[in-house]
Amino acid sequence: MEKRTSWDFSEYTHRVEVFKSEEGNEIRVDHLQNGDSSVGYVKFVNDSRGLSVFGDFGNWIFCRPFHPSPDGFVSFGYWNEKLKTYSCQDHAKYDSDRTLEEIKDLINGGLEEIGLTGDELEKGVESLKCLSEYVDDEIEYLYHAYRGFPNNLDYEYIPYVKTASYRLLVVFDAFDEICKRLK
């Protein structure tokens, strides 16, 4: 698995603390820290109800406990689904340029790759061309994408690209580092 950012955790120490709650549940706290410095510090607080991440890359709350992957990495898409933002931090923002690129890819052979032919293919290409006119305005784009898109296509084929926050990507790289060290 390739790293998401250039942040280097190789010199960081990984320290684990385990506590028991009054109810008897285990609370695990993983620390990634470079010496005594608080620069780039990441703290994972994991209990049976979820995971909280604190430190220099923001505070993030996930609605699922973290269990390190035996493969040594975490799934970006899965953990984004579990992310709960109860602050003004955005985990991603709409990317009109990349959305338009995906629309063009679908028009230029992508719809055929997913198995569309004949009238379905023609209708899909026409709809995507129309949809590309709204890509600069996220709200207008979503309105047309989910109200005017042909019902013969699954919604998962409607391009809607969001670019993840750099800070969250570093947190995911820290996840990967912990997985790697626990392997």
C-alpha atoms as a PDB file:
ATOM      1  CA  MET A   1       0.000   0.000   0.000  1.00  0.00           C
ATOM      2  CA  GLU A   2       1.402   3.335  -1.040  1.00  0.00           C
ATOM      3  CA  LYS A   3       1.428   6.191   1.445  1.00  0.00           C
ATOM      4  CA  ARG A   4      -1.147   8.926   0.984  1.00  0.00           C
ATOM      5  CA  THR A   5       1.174  11.776   2.055  1.00  0.00           C
ATOM      6  CA  SER A   6       4.862  12.513   2.436  1.00  0.00           C
ATOM      7  CA  TRP A   7       4.655  12.600   6.245  1.00  0.00           C
ATOM      8  CA  ASP A   8       7.332  10.302   7.684  1.00  0.00           C
ATOM      9  CA  PHE A   9       6.517   8.331  10.841  1.00  0.00           C
ATOM     10  CA  SER A  10       9.613   6.102  10.640  1.00  0.00           C
ATOM     11  CA  GLU A  11      11.417   7.980  13.460  1.00  0.00           C
ATOM     12  CA  TYR A  12       8.343   8.046  15.672  1.00  0.00           C
ATOM     13  CA  THR A  13       7.925   5.834  18.695  1.00  0.00           C
ATOM     14  CA  HIS A  14       4.720   3.880  19.144  1.00  0.00           C
ATOM     15  CA  ARG A  15       3.550   3.646  22.730  1.00  0.00           C
ATOM     16  CA  VAL A  16       0.409   1.818  23.912  1.00  0.00           C
ATOM     17  CA  GLU A  17      -1.586   2.266  27.106  1.00  0.00           C
ATOM     18  CA  VAL A  18      -4.513   0.017  28.027  1.00  0.00           C
ATOM     19  CA  PHE A  19      -7.145   0.961  30.604  1.00  0.00           C
ATOM     20  CA  LYS A  20     -10.374  -0.601  31.833  1.00  0.00           C
ATOM     21  CA  SER A  21     -13.520   1.495  32.053  1.00  0.00           C
ATOM     22  CA  GLU A  22     -15.849   1.254  35.045  1.00  0.00           C
ATOM     23  CA  GLU A  23     -18.014  -1.071  32.940  1.00  0.00           C
ATOM     24  CA  GLY A  24     -15.023  -3.330  32.302  1.00  0.00           C
ATOM     25  CA  ASN A  25     -14.507  -2.327  28.661  1.00  0.00           C
ATOM     26  CA  GLU A  26     -10.958  -2.012  27.386  1.00  0.00           C
ATOM     27  CA  ILE A  27      -9.750   1.417  26.316  1.00  0.00           C
ATOM     28  CA  ARG A  28      -6.594   1.365  24.219  1.00  0.00           C
ATOM     29  CA  VAL A  29      -4.545   4.507  23.635  1.00  0.00           C
ATOM     30  CA  ASP A  30      -1.909   4.451  20.883  1.00  0.00           C
ATOM     31  CA  HIS A  31       0.598   7.305  20.728  1.00  0.00           C
ATOM     32  CA  LEU A  32       2.803   8.115  17.729  1.00  0.00           C
ATOM     33  CA  GLN A  33       5.402  10.669  18.771  1.00  0.00           C
ATOM     34  CA  ASN A  34       8.762  11.876  17.534  1.00  0.00           C
ATOM     35  CA  GLY A  35      10.941  11.912  20.670  1.00  0.00           C
ATOM     36  CA  ASP A  36       9.626  14.356  23.274  1.00  0.00           C
ATOM     37  CA  SER A  37       8.287  16.709  20.621  1.00  0.00           C
ATOM     38  CA  SER A  38       4.609  17.410  20.215  1.00  0.00           C
ATOM     39  CA  VAL A  39       5.144  18.283  16.532  1.00  0.00           C
ATOM     40  CA  GLY A  40       3.245  15.780  14.430  1.00  0.00           C
ATOM     41  CA  TYR A  41       1.957  13.974  17.518  1.00  0.00           C
ATOM     42  CA  VAL A  42      -0.981  11.626  16.930  1.00  0.00           C
ATOM     43  CA  LYS A  43      -3.023   9.974  19.704  1.00  0.00           C
ATOM     44  CA  PHE A  44      -5.616   7.257  19.040  1.00  0.00           C
ATOM     45  CA  VAL A  45      -8.173   6.570  21.783  1.00  0.00           C
ATOM     46  CA  ASN A  46      -9.977   3.339  20.969  1.00  0.00           C
ATOM     47  CA  ASP A  47     -12.841   1.792  22.934  1.00  0.00           C
ATOM     48  CA  SER A  48     -15.706  -0.571  22.192  1.00  0.00           C
ATOM     49  CA  ARG A  49     -17.875   2.223  20.778  1.00  0.00           C
ATOM     50  CA  GLY A  50     -15.468   4.023  18.481  1.00  0.00           C
ATOM     51  CA  LEU A  51     -12.181   5.719  17.832  1.00  0.00           C
ATOM     52  CA  SER A  52     -11.083   9.273  18.521  1.00  0.00           C
ATOM     53  CA  VAL A  53      -7.910  10.678  17.008  1.00  0.00           C
ATOM     54  CA  PHE A  54      -6.260  13.783  18.489  1.00  0.00           C
ATOM     55  CA  GLY A  55      -3.136  15.759  17.750  1.00  0.00           C
ATOM     56  CA  ASP A  56      -1.484  18.067  15.273  1.00  0.00           C
ATOM     57  CA  PHE A  57      -3.616  16.825  12.382  1.00  0.00           C
ATOM     58  CA  GLY A  58      -6.960  17.665  13.932  1.00  0.00           C
ATOM     59  CA  ASN A  59      -9.484  15.835  16.061  1.00  0.00           C
ATOM     60  CA  TRP A  60     -11.446  13.107  14.325  1.00  0.00           C
ATOM     61  CA  ILE A  61     -14.234  10.905  15.678  1.00  0.00           C
ATOM     62  CA  PHE A  62     -15.059   7.573  14.041  1.00  0.00           C
ATOM     63  CA  CYS A  63     -18.172   5.545  14.907  1.00  0.00           C
ATOM     64  CA  ARG A  64     -16.298   2.237  14.931  1.00  0.00           C
ATOM     65  CA  PRO A  65     -13.408   0.912  17.012  1.00  0.00           C
ATOM     66  CA  PHE A  66     -10.100   0.534  15.215  1.00  0.00           C
ATOM     67  CA  HIS A  67      -8.814  -3.002  14.759  1.00  0.00           C
ATOM     68  CA  PRO A  68      -5.481  -3.071  12.907  1.00  0.00           C
ATOM     69  CA  SER A  69      -5.622  -4.742   9.541  1.00  0.00           C
ATOM     70  CA  PRO A  70      -3.459  -7.830   9.058  1.00  0.00           C
ATOM     71  CA  ASP A  71      -2.587  -6.359   5.637  1.00  0.00           C
ATOM     72  CA  GLY A  72      -0.937  -3.377   7.326  1.00  0.00           C
ATOM     73  CA  PHE A  73      -3.166  -0.611   5.964  1.00  0.00           C
ATOM     74  CA  VAL A  74      -6.584   0.925   6.439  1.00  0.00           C
ATOM     75  CA  SER A  75      -9.281   1.368   3.822  1.00  0.00           C
ATOM     76  CA  PHE A  76      -9.699   5.046   3.012  1.00  0.00           C
ATOM     77  CA  GLY A  77     -13.272   4.626   1.759  1.00  0.00           C
ATOM     78  CA  TYR A  78     -14.391   2.493   4.680  1.00  0.00           C
ATOM     79  CA  TRP A  79     -13.000   4.837   7.333  1.00  0.00           C
ATOM     80  CA  ASN A  80     -14.438   7.889   5.592  1.00  0.00           C
ATOM     81  CA  GLU A  81     -17.856   6.238   5.966  1.00  0.00           C
ATOM     82  CA  LYS A  82     -17.209   5.810   9.690  1.00  0.00           C
ATOM     83  CA  LEU A  83     -15.974   9.375  10.162  1.00  0.00           C
ATOM     84  CA  LYS A  84     -18.223  11.637  12.174  1.00  0.00           C
ATOM     85  CA  THR A  85     -17.380  15.304  12.061  1.00  0.00           C
ATOM     86  CA  TYR A  86     -18.786  17.160  15.015  1.00  0.00           C
ATOM     87  CA  SER A  87     -16.710  20.243  14.354  1.00  0.00           C
ATOM     88  CA  CYS A  88     -16.067  22.544  11.445  1.00  0.00           C
ATOM     89  CA  GLN A  89     -13.379  20.271  10.006  1.00  0.00           C
ATOM     90  CA  ASP A  90     -14.255  18.997   6.567  1.00  0.00           C
ATOM     91  CA  HIS A  91     -12.841  15.617   5.657  1.00  0.00           C
ATOM     92  CA  ALA A  92     -13.054  16.393   1.946  1.00  0.00           C
ATOM     93  CA  LYS A  93     -14.262  18.997  -0.516  1.00  0.00           C
ATOM     94  CA  TYR A  94     -15.926  18.688  -3.897  1.00  0.00           C
ATOM     95  CA  ASP A  95     -13.463  18.660  -6.793  1.00  0.00           C
ATOM     96  CA  SER A  96     -15.155  19.852  -9.986  1.00  0.00           C
ATOM     97  CA  ASP A  97     -12.065  19.305 -12.165  1.00  0.00           C
ATOM     98  CA  ARG A  98     -11.652  15.664 -11.146  1.00  0.00           C
ATOM     99  CA  THR A  99     -15.404  15.087 -11.415  1.00  0.00           C
ATOM    100  CA  LEU A 100     -15.308  16.409 -14.986  1.00  0.00           C
ATOM    101  CA  GLU A 101     -12.326  14.141 -15.748  1.00  0.00           C
ATOM    102  CA  GLU A 102     -14.308  11.117 -14.561  1.00  0.00           C
ATOM    103  CA  ILE A 103     -17.302  12.160 -16.668  1.00  0.00           C
ATOM    104  CA  LYS A 104     -15.044  12.397 -19.727  1.00  0.00           C
ATOM    105  CA  ASP A 105     -13.545   8.974 -18.944  1.00  0.00           C
ATOM    106  CA  LEU A 106     -17.027   7.471 -18.806  1.00  0.00           C
ATOM    107  CA  ILE A 107     -18.005   9.138 -22.089  1.00  0.00           C
ATOM    108  CA  ASN A 108     -14.787   7.976 -23.764  1.00  0.00           C
ATOM    109  CA  GLY A 109     -15.214   4.259 -23.183  1.00  0.00           C
ATOM    110  CA  GLY A 110     -16.001   3.897 -19.491  1.00  0.00           C
ATOM    111  CA  LEU A 111     -19.689   3.247 -20.036  1.00  0.00           C
ATOM    112  CA  GLU A 112     -18.820   0.520 -22.530  1.00  0.00           C
ATOM    113  CA  GLU A 113     -16.451  -1.020 -19.965  1.00  0.00           C
ATOM    114  CA  ILE A 114     -19.320  -1.341 -17.480  1.00  0.00           C
ATOM    115  CA  GLY A 115     -21.375  -3.114 -20.136  1.00  0.00           C
ATOM    116  CA  LEU A 116     -23.600  -0.500 -21.736  1.00  0.00           C
ATOM    117  CA  THR A 117     -24.429  -0.932 -25.406  1.00  0.00           C
ATOM    118  CA  GLY A 118     -26.846   0.439 -27.997  1.00  0.00           C
ATOM    119  CA  ASP A 119     -29.585   2.774 -26.773  1.00  0.00           C
ATOM    120  CA  GLU A 120     -28.457   2.506 -23.129  1.00  0.00           C
ATOM    121  CA  LEU A 121     -24.960   3.600 -24.108  1.00  0.00           C
ATOM    122  CA  GLU A 122     -26.269   6.496 -26.209  1.00  0.00           C
ATOM    123  CA  LYS A 123     -28.574   7.653 -23.428  1.00  0.00           C
ATOM    124  CA  GLY A 124     -25.750   7.413 -20.862  1.00  0.00           C
ATOM    125  CA  VAL A 125     -23.320   9.416 -23.002  1.00  0.00           C
ATOM    126  CA  GLU A 126     -25.967  12.078 -23.685  1.00  0.00           C
ATOM    127  CA  SER A 127     -26.817  12.331 -19.974  1.00  0.00           C
ATOM    128  CA  LEU A 128     -23.164  12.626 -18.965  1.00  0.00           C
ATOM    129  CA  LYS A 129     -22.552  15.363 -21.545  1.00  0.00           C
ATOM    130  CA  CYS A 130     -25.537  17.265 -20.131  1.00  0.00           C
ATOM    131  CA  LEU A 131     -24.358  16.663 -16.577  1.00  0.00           C
ATOM    132  CA  SER A 132     -20.888  18.028 -17.383  1.00  0.00           C
ATOM    133  CA  GLU A 133     -22.478  21.464 -17.938  1.00  0.00           C
ATOM    134  CA  TYR A 134     -23.288  21.689 -14.206  1.00  0.00           C
ATOM    135  CA  VAL A 135     -20.013  20.402 -12.779  1.00  0.00           C
ATOM    136  CA  ASP A 136     -18.762  23.851 -11.645  1.00  0.00           C
ATOM    137  CA  ASP A 137     -21.591  24.262  -9.118  1.00  0.00           C
ATOM    138  CA  GLU A 138     -21.683  21.378  -6.621  1.00  0.00           C
ATOM    139  CA  ILE A 139     -25.310  21.892  -5.565  1.00  0.00           C
ATOM    140  CA  GLU A 140     -26.585  22.301  -9.126  1.00  0.00           C
ATOM    141  CA  TYR A 141     -24.507  19.303 -10.207  1.00  0.00           C
ATOM    142  CA  LEU A 142     -25.921  17.071  -7.482  1.00  0.00           C
ATOM    143  CA  TYR A 143     -29.453  18.213  -8.250  1.00  0.00           C
ATOM    144  CA  HIS A 144     -29.119  17.235 -11.918  1.00  0.00           C
ATOM    145  CA  ALA A 145     -27.082  14.113 -11.185  1.00  0.00           C
ATOM    146  CA  TYR A 146     -29.631  12.548  -8.881  1.00  0.00           C
ATOM    147  CA  ARG A 147     -32.823  13.890 -10.423  1.00  0.00           C
ATOM    148  CA  GLY A 148     -32.111  13.809 -14.117  1.00  0.00           C
ATOM    149  CA  PHE A 149     -29.741  10.910 -14.590  1.00  0.00           C
ATOM    150  CA  PRO A 150     -31.087   7.943 -16.577  1.00  0.00           C
ATOM    151  CA  ASN A 151     -32.537   5.264 -14.354  1.00  0.00           C
ATOM    152  CA  ASN A 152     -30.831   2.525 -16.348  1.00  0.00           C
ATOM    153  CA  LEU A 153     -27.521   3.429 -14.679  1.00  0.00           C
ATOM    154  CA  ASP A 154     -26.641   2.729 -11.075  1.00  0.00           C
ATOM    155  CA  TYR A 155     -25.973   5.868  -9.018  1.00  0.00           C
ATOM    156  CA  GLU A 156     -22.475   4.619  -8.231  1.00  0.00           C
ATOM    157  CA  TYR A 157     -21.543   5.430 -11.831  1.00  0.00           C
ATOM    158  CA  ILE A 158     -22.339   9.112 -11.399  1.00  0.00           C
ATOM    159  CA  PRO A 159     -18.969  10.802 -10.914  1.00  0.00           C
ATOM    160  CA  TYR A 160     -18.765  12.888  -7.744  1.00  0.00           C
ATOM    161  CA  VAL A 161     -15.169  13.398  -6.676  1.00  0.00           C
ATOM    162  CA  LYS A 162     -14.157  14.804  -3.326  1.00  0.00           C
ATOM    163  CA  THR A 163     -10.564  15.556  -2.465  1.00  0.00           C
ATOM    164  CA  ALA A 164      -9.628  14.495   1.052  1.00  0.00           C
ATOM    165  CA  SER A 165      -8.186  16.853   3.624  1.00  0.00           C
ATOM    166  CA  TYR A 166      -4.387  16.550   3.847  1.00  0.00           C
ATOM    167  CA  ARG A 167      -4.649  16.357   7.641  1.00  0.00           C
ATOM    168  CA  LEU A 168      -7.012  13.386   7.432  1.00  0.00           C
ATOM    169  CA  LEU A 169      -4.707  11.660   4.940  1.00  0.00           C
ATOM    170  CA  VAL A 170      -1.835  12.005   7.431  1.00  0.00           C
ATOM    171  CA  VAL A 171      -4.070  10.452  10.105  1.00  0.00           C
ATOM    172  CA  PHE A 172      -4.747   7.527   7.745  1.00  0.00           C
ATOM    173  CA  ASP A 173      -0.991   7.172   7.175  1.00  0.00           C
ATOM    174  CA  ALA A 174      -0.621   7.059  10.975  1.00  0.00           C
ATOM    175  CA  PHE A 175      -3.255   4.279  11.021  1.00  0.00           C
ATOM    176  CA  ASP A 176      -1.152   2.394   8.482  1.00  0.00           C
ATOM    177  CA  GLU A 177       1.992   2.914  10.586  1.00  0.00           C
ATOM    178  CA  ILE A 178       0.332   1.410  13.647  1.00  0.00           C
ATOM    179  CA  CYS A 179      -0.968  -1.535  11.594  1.00  0.00           C
ATOM    180  CA  LYS A 180       2.525  -2.113  10.209  1.00  0.00           C
ATOM    181  CA  ARG A 181       4.114  -2.066  13.662  1.00  0.00           C
ATOM    182  CA  LEU A 182       1.517  -4.418  15.148  1.00  0.00           C
ATOM    183  CA  LYS A 183       1.787  -6.905  12.279  1.00  0.00           C
END
